[in-house]
Amino acid sequence: MAKKLARLSSGRGSIVIISAPSGSGKSTLVRRLIASQPDLVFSVSYTTRPRRAGEKEGRDYFFVTRKQFERMVAAGEFIEWAEVFGHLYGTSKRHLDKALAAGRDVLLDIDVQGHKQVRKRLTEALSVFIMPPSFRELKRRLTQRHSDSPQVIARRLAAARQEIVHWPEYDYLVVNDRLPLATQALEAIVRAARARRQSQAERARAICRTFGG
């Protein structure tokens, strides 16, 4: 496991968005990144998807009914939301604001639809597109998971063909051909986000005051 990285300063946190076609290894990368970054918070989404074996409420998702989700949409509670494979997914604005105000960096695991919504509303967010090394490798990974039927795999591959063309809309591209190297690349991106002028503004102003400015 990668060595934990210390946060540069307190203040308002950064937002890092990660998107990827299903089967690209995004979930594994996110787990490794969260484990190595002490001040990085994973934004738990709301979903109408049924809970899978091993998933926990509040850790993997907040599981709600479609009616509950639609009420939250009507109340403006989501910073972004989308329908994916017949299920609704959304990111809570309240949870996001709370983490940022506490100086925590927030990782959003959202699809290309959600990415567009968030970047329109939160222009300071950084975004990363995770890409598999090839279509053939993506198909192999989806097949070897043994969690989906051939029909579902075909649907995910068709979706991947549509999603992959959106990579130029992101700030960074990470090809997940070797997991350790891909993890290191994501860690470097998070470190860079913490060193941006916007993230360091409060610290810089405090230093300037010691100069009498």
N, C-alpha and C. Protein backbone atom coordinates (compact mmCIF):
# COMPACT_ATOMS: atom_id res chain seq x y z
N MET A 1 0.85 -1.20 0.00
CA MET A 1 0.00 0.00 0.00
C MET A 1 0.88 1.24 0.00
N ALA A 2 0.46 2.24 -0.77
CA ALA A 2 1.24 3.46 -0.88
C ALA A 2 1.33 4.19 0.44
N LYS A 3 2.43 4.88 0.63
CA LYS A 3 2.62 5.67 1.84
C LYS A 3 1.62 6.80 1.90
N LYS A 4 1.05 7.05 3.07
CA LYS A 4 0.07 8.13 3.22
C LYS A 4 0.74 9.48 3.05
N LEU A 5 0.02 10.38 2.39
CA LEU A 5 0.55 11.69 2.10
C LEU A 5 -0.09 12.72 3.01
N ALA A 6 0.72 13.58 3.60
CA ALA A 6 0.21 14.61 4.50
C ALA A 6 -0.44 15.73 3.72
N ARG A 7 -1.47 16.29 4.27
CA ARG A 7 -2.15 17.42 3.64
C ARG A 7 -1.30 18.67 3.77
N LEU A 8 -1.31 19.51 2.73
CA LEU A 8 -0.50 20.71 2.73
C LEU A 8 -1.01 21.75 3.70
N SER A 9 -2.34 21.89 3.79
CA SER A 9 -2.87 22.93 4.66
C SER A 9 -4.34 22.67 4.93
N SER A 10 -4.88 23.46 5.86
CA SER A 10 -6.31 23.43 6.09
C SER A 10 -6.97 24.41 5.14
N GLY A 11 -8.27 24.68 5.34
CA GLY A 11 -8.98 25.55 4.43
C GLY A 11 -10.01 24.74 3.65
N ARG A 12 -10.60 25.35 2.63
CA ARG A 12 -11.61 24.66 1.85
C ARG A 12 -10.96 23.56 1.01
N GLY A 13 -11.60 22.40 0.99
CA GLY A 13 -11.04 21.26 0.30
C GLY A 13 -11.19 21.34 -1.21
N SER A 14 -10.60 20.37 -1.89
CA SER A 14 -10.67 20.27 -3.34
C SER A 14 -11.66 19.18 -3.75
N ILE A 15 -12.14 19.27 -4.97
CA ILE A 15 -13.04 18.27 -5.53
C ILE A 15 -12.33 17.56 -6.66
N VAL A 16 -12.28 16.24 -6.60
CA VAL A 16 -11.68 15.43 -7.66
C VAL A 16 -12.75 14.47 -8.19
N ILE A 17 -13.02 14.56 -9.47
CA ILE A 17 -14.02 13.71 -10.12
C ILE A 17 -13.32 12.59 -10.86
N ILE A 18 -13.81 11.37 -10.69
CA ILE A 18 -13.28 10.23 -11.43
C ILE A 18 -14.42 9.58 -12.21
N SER A 19 -14.20 9.37 -13.51
CA SER A 19 -15.15 8.67 -14.35
C SER A 19 -14.42 7.59 -15.14
N ALA A 20 -15.16 6.56 -15.53
CA ALA A 20 -14.56 5.47 -16.30
C ALA A 20 -15.64 4.54 -16.82
N PRO A 21 -15.40 3.89 -17.95
CA PRO A 21 -16.32 2.84 -18.39
C PRO A 21 -16.33 1.70 -17.38
N SER A 22 -17.47 1.05 -17.25
CA SER A 22 -17.58 -0.10 -16.36
C SER A 22 -16.57 -1.18 -16.75
N GLY A 23 -15.80 -1.66 -15.75
CA GLY A 23 -14.80 -2.69 -16.00
C GLY A 23 -13.40 -2.15 -16.15
N SER A 24 -13.24 -0.83 -16.04
CA SER A 24 -11.91 -0.23 -16.21
C SER A 24 -11.05 -0.34 -14.96
N GLY A 25 -11.62 -0.84 -13.87
CA GLY A 25 -10.87 -0.96 -12.62
C GLY A 25 -10.99 0.26 -11.73
N LYS A 26 -11.99 1.09 -12.01
CA LYS A 26 -12.15 2.33 -11.26
C LYS A 26 -12.39 2.07 -9.77
N SER A 27 -13.26 1.12 -9.44
CA SER A 27 -13.59 0.87 -8.04
C SER A 27 -12.36 0.46 -7.24
N THR A 28 -11.51 -0.39 -7.84
CA THR A 28 -10.27 -0.81 -7.18
C THR A 28 -9.34 0.38 -6.98
N LEU A 29 -9.22 1.21 -8.00
CA LEU A 29 -8.36 2.39 -7.89
C LEU A 29 -8.87 3.35 -6.82
N VAL A 30 -10.18 3.54 -6.77
CA VAL A 30 -10.75 4.44 -5.77
C VAL A 30 -10.47 3.92 -4.37
N ARG A 31 -10.64 2.63 -4.14
CA ARG A 31 -10.36 2.05 -2.81
C ARG A 31 -8.91 2.27 -2.42
N ARG A 32 -7.99 2.03 -3.35
CA ARG A 32 -6.57 2.20 -3.05
C ARG A 32 -6.23 3.67 -2.79
N LEU A 33 -6.84 4.55 -3.55
CA LEU A 33 -6.57 5.98 -3.38
C LEU A 33 -7.09 6.48 -2.03
N ILE A 34 -8.30 6.09 -1.68
CA ILE A 34 -8.88 6.50 -0.39
C ILE A 34 -8.02 5.98 0.76
N ALA A 35 -7.54 4.74 0.64
CA ALA A 35 -6.73 4.14 1.71
C ALA A 35 -5.40 4.87 1.90
N SER A 36 -4.88 5.47 0.83
CA SER A 36 -3.56 6.11 0.91
C SER A 36 -3.63 7.60 1.22
N GLN A 37 -4.83 8.18 1.18
CA GLN A 37 -4.96 9.62 1.37
C GLN A 37 -5.79 9.91 2.62
N PRO A 38 -5.16 10.31 3.72
CA PRO A 38 -5.89 10.48 4.98
C PRO A 38 -6.94 11.57 4.98
N ASP A 39 -6.81 12.57 4.10
CA ASP A 39 -7.77 13.67 4.10
C ASP A 39 -8.67 13.65 2.87
N LEU A 40 -8.75 12.52 2.20
CA LEU A 40 -9.59 12.40 1.02
C LEU A 40 -10.86 11.63 1.40
N VAL A 41 -12.01 12.25 1.16
CA VAL A 41 -13.29 11.66 1.52
C VAL A 41 -14.01 11.18 0.26
N PHE A 42 -14.52 9.97 0.31
CA PHE A 42 -15.30 9.45 -0.80
C PHE A 42 -16.74 9.92 -0.67
N SER A 43 -17.24 10.57 -1.70
CA SER A 43 -18.62 11.05 -1.69
C SER A 43 -19.56 9.88 -1.98
N VAL A 44 -20.32 9.47 -0.99
CA VAL A 44 -21.24 8.34 -1.14
C VAL A 44 -22.50 8.82 -1.84
N SER A 45 -22.80 8.21 -2.97
CA SER A 45 -23.96 8.62 -3.78
C SER A 45 -25.24 7.98 -3.27
N TYR A 46 -26.34 8.60 -3.63
CA TYR A 46 -27.66 8.01 -3.44
C TYR A 46 -28.01 7.22 -4.70
N THR A 47 -28.69 6.10 -4.55
CA THR A 47 -29.08 5.31 -5.71
C THR A 47 -30.38 4.56 -5.46
N THR A 48 -31.08 4.29 -6.56
CA THR A 48 -32.28 3.45 -6.51
C THR A 48 -31.94 2.00 -6.86
N ARG A 49 -30.66 1.73 -7.14
CA ARG A 49 -30.25 0.36 -7.47
C ARG A 49 -30.36 -0.54 -6.26
N PRO A 50 -30.81 -1.79 -6.44
CA PRO A 50 -30.85 -2.72 -5.32
C PRO A 50 -29.46 -2.98 -4.75
N ARG A 51 -29.40 -3.19 -3.45
CA ARG A 51 -28.13 -3.44 -2.80
C ARG A 51 -27.58 -4.81 -3.20
N ARG A 52 -26.29 -4.85 -3.53
CA ARG A 52 -25.63 -6.10 -3.88
C ARG A 52 -25.03 -6.75 -2.64
N ALA A 53 -24.71 -8.02 -2.77
CA ALA A 53 -24.10 -8.76 -1.65
C ALA A 53 -22.81 -8.07 -1.21
N GLY A 54 -22.68 -7.84 0.08
CA GLY A 54 -21.48 -7.23 0.63
C GLY A 54 -21.52 -5.72 0.71
N GLU A 55 -22.49 -5.08 0.07
CA GLU A 55 -22.58 -3.63 0.12
C GLU A 55 -23.23 -3.18 1.42
N LYS A 56 -22.78 -2.02 1.92
CA LYS A 56 -23.30 -1.49 3.17
C LYS A 56 -23.89 -0.11 2.96
N GLU A 57 -25.01 0.13 3.62
CA GLU A 57 -25.68 1.43 3.60
C GLU A 57 -24.75 2.50 4.17
N GLY A 58 -24.56 3.58 3.41
CA GLY A 58 -23.73 4.67 3.87
C GLY A 58 -22.26 4.51 3.58
N ARG A 59 -21.83 3.32 3.22
CA ARG A 59 -20.43 3.11 2.84
C ARG A 59 -20.30 3.05 1.33
N ASP A 60 -21.12 2.22 0.70
CA ASP A 60 -21.09 2.08 -0.75
C ASP A 60 -22.07 3.04 -1.42
N TYR A 61 -23.28 3.07 -0.91
CA TYR A 61 -24.33 3.97 -1.40
C TYR A 61 -25.32 4.25 -0.27
N PHE A 62 -26.14 5.27 -0.49
CA PHE A 62 -27.36 5.44 0.29
C PHE A 62 -28.48 4.91 -0.60
N PHE A 63 -29.10 3.82 -0.19
CA PHE A 63 -30.11 3.15 -1.00
C PHE A 63 -31.49 3.71 -0.69
N VAL A 64 -32.15 4.24 -1.73
CA VAL A 64 -33.47 4.83 -1.56
C VAL A 64 -34.39 4.32 -2.66
N THR A 65 -35.69 4.52 -2.46
CA THR A 65 -36.65 4.15 -3.49
C THR A 65 -36.66 5.22 -4.58
N ARG A 66 -37.25 4.88 -5.71
CA ARG A 66 -37.35 5.86 -6.80
C ARG A 66 -38.16 7.09 -6.37
N LYS A 67 -39.23 6.86 -5.60
CA LYS A 67 -40.04 7.98 -5.13
C LYS A 67 -39.24 8.90 -4.22
N GLN A 68 -38.45 8.30 -3.30
CA GLN A 68 -37.61 9.11 -2.43
C GLN A 68 -36.60 9.92 -3.24
N PHE A 69 -36.01 9.28 -4.22
CA PHE A 69 -35.01 9.94 -5.06
C PHE A 69 -35.64 11.10 -5.81
N GLU A 70 -36.80 10.87 -6.39
CA GLU A 70 -37.48 11.92 -7.15
C GLU A 70 -37.87 13.10 -6.28
N ARG A 71 -38.22 12.82 -5.01
CA ARG A 71 -38.51 13.92 -4.08
C ARG A 71 -37.25 14.74 -3.81
N MET A 72 -36.12 14.07 -3.69
CA MET A 72 -34.86 14.78 -3.46
C MET A 72 -34.48 15.62 -4.68
N VAL A 73 -34.74 15.11 -5.87
CA VAL A 73 -34.48 15.89 -7.09
C VAL A 73 -35.34 17.15 -7.09
N ALA A 74 -36.63 16.98 -6.79
CA ALA A 74 -37.56 18.12 -6.78
C ALA A 74 -37.16 19.17 -5.75
N ALA A 75 -36.55 18.72 -4.64
CA ALA A 75 -36.13 19.65 -3.58
C ALA A 75 -34.77 20.28 -3.86
N GLY A 76 -34.13 19.90 -4.97
CA GLY A 76 -32.83 20.47 -5.32
C GLY A 76 -31.69 19.99 -4.43
N GLU A 77 -31.79 18.74 -3.95
CA GLU A 77 -30.79 18.23 -3.00
C GLU A 77 -29.54 17.66 -3.67
N PHE A 78 -29.55 17.51 -5.00
CA PHE A 78 -28.41 16.90 -5.68
C PHE A 78 -27.61 17.93 -6.46
N ILE A 79 -26.29 17.84 -6.36
CA ILE A 79 -25.43 18.66 -7.20
C ILE A 79 -25.40 18.10 -8.61
N GLU A 80 -25.63 16.80 -8.74
CA GLU A 80 -25.77 16.13 -10.02
C GLU A 80 -26.53 14.84 -9.81
N TRP A 81 -27.22 14.41 -10.88
CA TRP A 81 -27.87 13.11 -10.84
C TRP A 81 -28.08 12.63 -12.27
N ALA A 82 -28.19 11.31 -12.41
CA ALA A 82 -28.34 10.73 -13.74
C ALA A 82 -28.99 9.36 -13.61
N GLU A 83 -29.53 8.88 -14.72
CA GLU A 83 -30.06 7.52 -14.79
C GLU A 83 -29.09 6.67 -15.58
N VAL A 84 -28.65 5.57 -14.98
CA VAL A 84 -27.67 4.68 -15.61
C VAL A 84 -28.20 3.25 -15.53
N PHE A 85 -28.35 2.61 -16.69
CA PHE A 85 -28.85 1.23 -16.76
C PHE A 85 -30.15 1.06 -15.98
N GLY A 86 -31.02 2.07 -16.07
CA GLY A 86 -32.34 1.97 -15.46
C GLY A 86 -32.41 2.34 -14.00
N HIS A 87 -31.30 2.74 -13.40
CA HIS A 87 -31.28 3.12 -11.99
C HIS A 87 -30.80 4.57 -11.86
N LEU A 88 -31.27 5.25 -10.82
CA LEU A 88 -30.92 6.65 -10.59
C LEU A 88 -29.76 6.76 -9.60
N TYR A 89 -28.86 7.70 -9.89
CA TYR A 89 -27.70 7.94 -9.02
C TYR A 89 -27.56 9.46 -8.84
N GLY A 90 -27.24 9.89 -7.62
CA GLY A 90 -27.09 11.32 -7.37
C GLY A 90 -26.11 11.63 -6.26
N THR A 91 -25.51 12.83 -6.35
CA THR A 91 -24.55 13.30 -5.35
C THR A 91 -25.19 14.39 -4.51
N SER A 92 -25.20 14.19 -3.20
CA SER A 92 -25.84 15.13 -2.28
C SER A 92 -25.05 16.43 -2.18
N LYS A 93 -25.72 17.54 -2.43
CA LYS A 93 -25.08 18.86 -2.31
C LYS A 93 -24.73 19.14 -0.85
N ARG A 94 -25.60 18.78 0.08
CA ARG A 94 -25.37 19.04 1.50
C ARG A 94 -24.13 18.31 2.00
N HIS A 95 -24.00 17.02 1.65
CA HIS A 95 -22.84 16.24 2.10
C HIS A 95 -21.55 16.79 1.51
N LEU A 96 -21.62 17.21 0.24
CA LEU A 96 -20.43 17.75 -0.41
C LEU A 96 -19.99 19.06 0.23
N ASP A 97 -20.93 19.97 0.45
CA ASP A 97 -20.60 21.26 1.06
C ASP A 97 -20.03 21.09 2.47
N LYS A 98 -20.58 20.14 3.22
CA LYS A 98 -20.11 19.91 4.59
C LYS A 98 -18.66 19.45 4.61
N ALA A 99 -18.31 18.53 3.72
CA ALA A 99 -16.94 18.02 3.67
C ALA A 99 -15.97 19.10 3.21
N LEU A 100 -16.34 19.88 2.21
CA LEU A 100 -15.46 20.94 1.70
C LEU A 100 -15.24 22.02 2.75
N ALA A 101 -16.31 22.40 3.46
CA ALA A 101 -16.19 23.43 4.49
C ALA A 101 -15.29 22.99 5.62
N ALA A 102 -15.22 21.67 5.85
CA ALA A 102 -14.35 21.14 6.90
C ALA A 102 -12.91 20.98 6.43
N GLY A 103 -12.63 21.40 5.19
CA GLY A 103 -11.27 21.32 4.68
C GLY A 103 -10.90 19.96 4.13
N ARG A 104 -11.89 19.10 3.90
CA ARG A 104 -11.61 17.77 3.37
C ARG A 104 -11.64 17.79 1.84
N ASP A 105 -10.75 17.04 1.23
CA ASP A 105 -10.81 16.84 -0.22
C ASP A 105 -11.84 15.76 -0.49
N VAL A 106 -12.64 15.95 -1.54
CA VAL A 106 -13.75 15.04 -1.81
C VAL A 106 -13.57 14.38 -3.17
N LEU A 107 -13.72 13.07 -3.19
CA LEU A 107 -13.62 12.29 -4.42
C LEU A 107 -15.02 11.91 -4.88
N LEU A 108 -15.37 12.32 -6.09
CA LEU A 108 -16.67 11.98 -6.68
C LEU A 108 -16.48 10.91 -7.74
N ASP A 109 -17.14 9.78 -7.56
CA ASP A 109 -17.13 8.69 -8.53
C ASP A 109 -18.43 8.79 -9.32
N ILE A 110 -18.38 9.46 -10.48
CA ILE A 110 -19.59 9.71 -11.26
C ILE A 110 -19.32 9.45 -12.74
N ASP A 111 -20.41 9.29 -13.50
CA ASP A 111 -20.26 9.00 -14.93
C ASP A 111 -20.11 10.30 -15.72
N VAL A 112 -20.03 10.17 -17.04
CA VAL A 112 -19.77 11.34 -17.88
C VAL A 112 -20.93 12.34 -17.82
N GLN A 113 -22.16 11.86 -17.61
CA GLN A 113 -23.29 12.78 -17.47
C GLN A 113 -23.13 13.64 -16.22
N GLY A 114 -22.81 12.98 -15.10
CA GLY A 114 -22.61 13.70 -13.85
C GLY A 114 -21.44 14.65 -13.91
N HIS A 115 -20.38 14.24 -14.61
CA HIS A 115 -19.20 15.09 -14.75
C HIS A 115 -19.56 16.42 -15.40
N LYS A 116 -20.35 16.37 -16.45
CA LYS A 116 -20.75 17.61 -17.12
C LYS A 116 -21.54 18.52 -16.20
N GLN A 117 -22.44 17.92 -15.41
CA GLN A 117 -23.25 18.72 -14.49
C GLN A 117 -22.40 19.39 -13.43
N VAL A 118 -21.48 18.61 -12.84
CA VAL A 118 -20.66 19.15 -11.75
C VAL A 118 -19.72 20.23 -12.26
N ARG A 119 -19.12 20.03 -13.43
CA ARG A 119 -18.18 21.02 -13.94
C ARG A 119 -18.87 22.35 -14.29
N LYS A 120 -20.14 22.29 -14.65
CA LYS A 120 -20.87 23.53 -14.91
C LYS A 120 -21.12 24.30 -13.62
N ARG A 121 -21.37 23.58 -12.54
CA ARG A 121 -21.70 24.22 -11.27
C ARG A 121 -20.47 24.48 -10.40
N LEU A 122 -19.49 23.61 -10.48
CA LEU A 122 -18.28 23.73 -9.66
C LEU A 122 -17.07 23.74 -10.58
N THR A 123 -16.77 24.89 -11.14
CA THR A 123 -15.73 24.99 -12.16
C THR A 123 -14.33 24.70 -11.60
N GLU A 124 -14.18 24.78 -10.28
CA GLU A 124 -12.87 24.53 -9.69
C GLU A 124 -12.54 23.05 -9.56
N ALA A 125 -13.50 22.18 -9.81
CA ALA A 125 -13.28 20.74 -9.65
C ALA A 125 -12.27 20.23 -10.68
N LEU A 126 -11.43 19.29 -10.25
CA LEU A 126 -10.51 18.59 -11.15
C LEU A 126 -11.16 17.27 -11.56
N SER A 127 -10.91 16.83 -12.78
CA SER A 127 -11.53 15.58 -13.23
C SER A 127 -10.51 14.66 -13.88
N VAL A 128 -10.74 13.36 -13.67
CA VAL A 128 -9.84 12.32 -14.18
C VAL A 128 -10.67 11.27 -14.91
N PHE A 129 -10.23 10.92 -16.10
CA PHE A 129 -10.89 9.84 -16.83
C PHE A 129 -9.99 8.61 -16.78
N ILE A 130 -10.55 7.50 -16.29
CA ILE A 130 -9.81 6.23 -16.23
C ILE A 130 -10.13 5.44 -17.49
N MET A 131 -9.10 5.04 -18.21
CA MET A 131 -9.29 4.35 -19.48
C MET A 131 -8.65 2.96 -19.43
N PRO A 132 -9.32 1.92 -19.92
CA PRO A 132 -8.70 0.60 -20.01
C PRO A 132 -7.66 0.61 -21.13
N PRO A 133 -6.72 -0.31 -21.12
CA PRO A 133 -5.69 -0.30 -22.17
C PRO A 133 -6.21 -0.65 -23.56
N SER A 134 -7.36 -1.32 -23.65
CA SER A 134 -7.94 -1.66 -24.95
C SER A 134 -9.37 -2.16 -24.75
N PHE A 135 -10.13 -2.17 -25.84
CA PHE A 135 -11.49 -2.70 -25.78
C PHE A 135 -11.45 -4.20 -25.47
N ARG A 136 -10.50 -4.90 -26.04
CA ARG A 136 -10.38 -6.34 -25.80
C ARG A 136 -10.14 -6.63 -24.32
N GLU A 137 -9.27 -5.83 -23.68
CA GLU A 137 -8.98 -6.03 -22.26
C GLU A 137 -10.20 -5.70 -21.41
N LEU A 138 -10.94 -4.66 -21.79
CA LEU A 138 -12.15 -4.32 -21.06
C LEU A 138 -13.15 -5.47 -21.11
N LYS A 139 -13.33 -6.05 -22.27
CA LYS A 139 -14.26 -7.18 -22.42
C LYS A 139 -13.81 -8.36 -21.57
N ARG A 140 -12.49 -8.60 -21.54
CA ARG A 140 -11.96 -9.70 -20.72
C ARG A 140 -12.24 -9.47 -19.24
N ARG A 141 -12.03 -8.25 -18.77
CA ARG A 141 -12.26 -7.95 -17.35
C ARG A 141 -13.73 -8.11 -16.98
N LEU A 142 -14.61 -7.61 -17.82
CA LEU A 142 -16.04 -7.73 -17.54
C LEU A 142 -16.48 -9.19 -17.53
N THR A 143 -15.94 -9.98 -18.43
CA THR A 143 -16.30 -11.40 -18.50
C THR A 143 -15.79 -12.17 -17.30
N GLN A 144 -14.56 -11.86 -16.87
CA GLN A 144 -13.95 -12.60 -15.77
C GLN A 144 -14.50 -12.21 -14.40
N ARG A 145 -15.28 -11.14 -14.33
CA ARG A 145 -15.89 -10.78 -13.05
C ARG A 145 -16.98 -11.77 -12.65
N HIS A 146 -17.57 -12.43 -13.63
CA HIS A 146 -18.63 -13.43 -13.39
C HIS A 146 -19.79 -12.87 -12.57
N SER A 147 -20.05 -11.58 -12.73
CA SER A 147 -21.14 -10.96 -11.98
C SER A 147 -22.29 -10.52 -12.87
N ASP A 148 -22.09 -10.56 -14.18
CA ASP A 148 -23.11 -10.09 -15.11
C ASP A 148 -23.39 -11.14 -16.18
N SER A 149 -24.60 -11.11 -16.69
CA SER A 149 -24.99 -12.00 -17.77
C SER A 149 -24.37 -11.50 -19.08
N PRO A 150 -24.29 -12.35 -20.10
CA PRO A 150 -23.75 -11.91 -21.40
C PRO A 150 -24.50 -10.69 -21.95
N GLN A 151 -25.81 -10.62 -21.68
CA GLN A 151 -26.59 -9.48 -22.17
C GLN A 151 -26.17 -8.18 -21.48
N VAL A 152 -25.94 -8.27 -20.16
CA VAL A 152 -25.51 -7.09 -19.41
C VAL A 152 -24.10 -6.66 -19.84
N ILE A 153 -23.22 -7.65 -20.05
CA ILE A 153 -21.86 -7.34 -20.50
C ILE A 153 -21.90 -6.62 -21.84
N ALA A 154 -22.74 -7.11 -22.75
CA ALA A 154 -22.87 -6.47 -24.07
C ALA A 154 -23.36 -5.03 -23.93
N ARG A 155 -24.27 -4.82 -23.00
CA ARG A 155 -24.79 -3.47 -22.77
C ARG A 155 -23.72 -2.56 -22.19
N ARG A 156 -22.92 -3.09 -21.28
CA ARG A 156 -21.85 -2.29 -20.69
C ARG A 156 -20.77 -1.95 -21.73
N LEU A 157 -20.47 -2.88 -22.62
CA LEU A 157 -19.49 -2.62 -23.67
C LEU A 157 -20.01 -1.57 -24.65
N ALA A 158 -21.30 -1.64 -24.95
CA ALA A 158 -21.89 -0.63 -25.83
C ALA A 158 -21.83 0.75 -25.18
N ALA A 159 -22.10 0.80 -23.88
CA ALA A 159 -22.01 2.07 -23.15
C ALA A 159 -20.57 2.59 -23.12
N ALA A 160 -19.61 1.66 -22.98
CA ALA A 160 -18.20 2.05 -22.94
C ALA A 160 -17.78 2.72 -24.25
N ARG A 161 -18.30 2.22 -25.37
CA ARG A 161 -17.99 2.84 -26.66
C ARG A 161 -18.46 4.29 -26.72
N GLN A 162 -19.57 4.57 -26.06
CA GLN A 162 -20.10 5.93 -26.04
C GLN A 162 -19.36 6.81 -25.04
N GLU A 163 -18.96 6.22 -23.91
CA GLU A 163 -18.31 7.00 -22.85
C GLU A 163 -16.86 7.34 -23.19
N ILE A 164 -16.17 6.43 -23.88
CA ILE A 164 -14.73 6.57 -24.08
C ILE A 164 -14.38 7.83 -24.88
N VAL A 165 -15.31 8.29 -25.72
CA VAL A 165 -15.03 9.45 -26.56
C VAL A 165 -15.05 10.76 -25.78
N HIS A 166 -15.49 10.71 -24.52
CA HIS A 166 -15.57 11.93 -23.71
C HIS A 166 -14.27 12.24 -22.97
N TRP A 167 -13.23 11.41 -23.15
CA TRP A 167 -12.02 11.62 -22.38
C TRP A 167 -11.40 13.01 -22.57
N PRO A 168 -11.52 13.66 -23.76
CA PRO A 168 -10.91 15.00 -23.87
C PRO A 168 -11.57 16.07 -23.00
N GLU A 169 -12.74 15.78 -22.43
CA GLU A 169 -13.44 16.74 -21.58
C GLU A 169 -12.87 16.79 -20.16
N TYR A 170 -11.94 15.88 -19.85
CA TYR A 170 -11.39 15.77 -18.50
C TYR A 170 -10.02 16.43 -18.42
N ASP A 171 -9.62 16.78 -17.19
CA ASP A 171 -8.32 17.42 -16.98
C ASP A 171 -7.17 16.43 -17.10
N TYR A 172 -7.40 15.20 -16.64
CA TYR A 172 -6.35 14.20 -16.64
C TYR A 172 -6.86 12.89 -17.21
N LEU A 173 -5.95 12.13 -17.78
CA LEU A 173 -6.24 10.79 -18.28
C LEU A 173 -5.28 9.81 -17.63
N VAL A 174 -5.83 8.74 -17.05
CA VAL A 174 -5.02 7.68 -16.46
C VAL A 174 -5.41 6.36 -17.14
N VAL A 175 -4.46 5.72 -17.78
CA VAL A 175 -4.70 4.42 -18.40
C VAL A 175 -4.39 3.34 -17.37
N ASN A 176 -5.38 2.54 -17.04
CA ASN A 176 -5.22 1.52 -16.01
C ASN A 176 -4.75 0.20 -16.64
N ASP A 177 -3.49 0.20 -17.07
CA ASP A 177 -2.91 -1.04 -17.58
C ASP A 177 -2.14 -1.78 -16.50
N ARG A 178 -1.55 -1.00 -15.58
CA ARG A 178 -0.87 -1.60 -14.42
C ARG A 178 -1.36 -0.86 -13.17
N LEU A 179 -1.99 -1.61 -12.28
CA LEU A 179 -2.67 -1.01 -11.13
C LEU A 179 -1.76 -0.15 -10.26
N PRO A 180 -0.56 -0.60 -9.89
CA PRO A 180 0.29 0.24 -9.03
C PRO A 180 0.62 1.59 -9.67
N LEU A 181 0.92 1.59 -10.96
CA LEU A 181 1.26 2.84 -11.64
C LEU A 181 0.05 3.75 -11.78
N ALA A 182 -1.11 3.17 -12.05
CA ALA A 182 -2.33 3.97 -12.14
C ALA A 182 -2.66 4.59 -10.79
N THR A 183 -2.44 3.84 -9.70
CA THR A 183 -2.68 4.38 -8.36
C THR A 183 -1.75 5.54 -8.07
N GLN A 184 -0.47 5.39 -8.43
CA GLN A 184 0.50 6.46 -8.22
C GLN A 184 0.11 7.71 -8.99
N ALA A 185 -0.39 7.53 -10.21
CA ALA A 185 -0.80 8.68 -11.02
C ALA A 185 -1.95 9.43 -10.34
N LEU A 186 -2.92 8.70 -9.81
CA LEU A 186 -4.04 9.34 -9.12
C LEU A 186 -3.57 10.07 -7.87
N GLU A 187 -2.65 9.48 -7.13
CA GLU A 187 -2.11 10.14 -5.94
C GLU A 187 -1.42 11.45 -6.32
N ALA A 188 -0.70 11.44 -7.44
CA ALA A 188 -0.02 12.66 -7.89
C ALA A 188 -1.02 13.75 -8.25
N ILE A 189 -2.14 13.35 -8.83
CA ILE A 189 -3.17 14.32 -9.20
C ILE A 189 -3.78 14.96 -7.95
N VAL A 190 -4.06 14.14 -6.93
CA VAL A 190 -4.61 14.66 -5.68
C VAL A 190 -3.61 15.61 -5.03
N ARG A 191 -2.33 15.25 -5.06
CA ARG A 191 -1.30 16.12 -4.48
C ARG A 191 -1.25 17.45 -5.22
N ALA A 192 -1.35 17.39 -6.53
CA ALA A 192 -1.33 18.62 -7.33
C ALA A 192 -2.54 19.50 -7.03
N ALA A 193 -3.69 18.87 -6.83
CA ALA A 193 -4.91 19.63 -6.51
C ALA A 193 -4.73 20.39 -5.21
N ARG A 194 -4.06 19.78 -4.23
CA ARG A 194 -3.86 20.44 -2.95
C ARG A 194 -2.89 21.61 -3.04
N ALA A 195 -2.05 21.63 -4.07
CA ALA A 195 -1.06 22.70 -4.21
C ALA A 195 -1.54 23.82 -5.11
N ARG A 196 -2.76 23.73 -5.64
CA ARG A 196 -3.26 24.80 -6.49
C ARG A 196 -3.42 26.10 -5.70
N ARG A 197 -3.35 27.20 -6.43
CA ARG A 197 -3.47 28.52 -5.79
C ARG A 197 -4.76 28.65 -5.01
N GLN A 198 -5.87 28.17 -5.59
CA GLN A 198 -7.16 28.28 -4.90
C GLN A 198 -7.15 27.54 -3.57
N SER A 199 -6.52 26.36 -3.56
CA SER A 199 -6.50 25.54 -2.35
C SER A 199 -5.58 26.12 -1.29
N GLN A 200 -4.55 26.85 -1.71
CA GLN A 200 -3.56 27.39 -0.79
C GLN A 200 -3.79 28.86 -0.43
N ALA A 201 -4.91 29.44 -0.93
CA ALA A 201 -5.12 30.88 -0.76
C ALA A 201 -5.16 31.30 0.70
N GLU A 202 -5.86 30.54 1.54
CA GLU A 202 -5.98 30.90 2.95
C GLU A 202 -4.61 30.87 3.63
N ARG A 203 -3.84 29.85 3.32
CA ARG A 203 -2.50 29.73 3.90
C ARG A 203 -1.60 30.87 3.42
N ALA A 204 -1.70 31.19 2.12
CA ALA A 204 -0.87 32.26 1.56
C ALA A 204 -1.21 33.62 2.19
N ARG A 205 -2.50 33.89 2.39
CA ARG A 205 -2.89 35.17 3.01
C ARG A 205 -2.38 35.27 4.43
N ALA A 206 -2.41 34.12 5.16
CA ALA A 206 -1.90 34.14 6.53
C ALA A 206 -0.40 34.45 6.55
N ILE A 207 0.35 33.88 5.60
CA ILE A 207 1.78 34.14 5.51
C ILE A 207 2.04 35.61 5.16
N CYS A 208 1.22 36.12 4.22
CA CYS A 208 1.40 37.53 3.81
C CYS A 208 1.19 38.48 4.99
N ARG A 209 0.28 38.13 5.87
CA ARG A 209 0.03 39.00 7.03
C ARG A 209 1.24 39.08 7.93
N THR A 210 2.08 38.04 7.95
CA THR A 210 3.29 38.10 8.77
C THR A 210 4.31 39.07 8.19
N PHE A 211 4.14 39.41 6.90
CA PHE A 211 5.02 40.39 6.26
C PHE A 211 4.48 41.82 6.40
N GLY A 212 3.32 41.92 7.07
CA GLY A 212 2.73 43.22 7.24
C GLY A 212 1.88 43.65 6.07
N GLY A 213 1.59 42.64 5.17
CA GLY A 213 0.79 42.98 4.00
C GLY A 213 -0.65 42.55 4.15
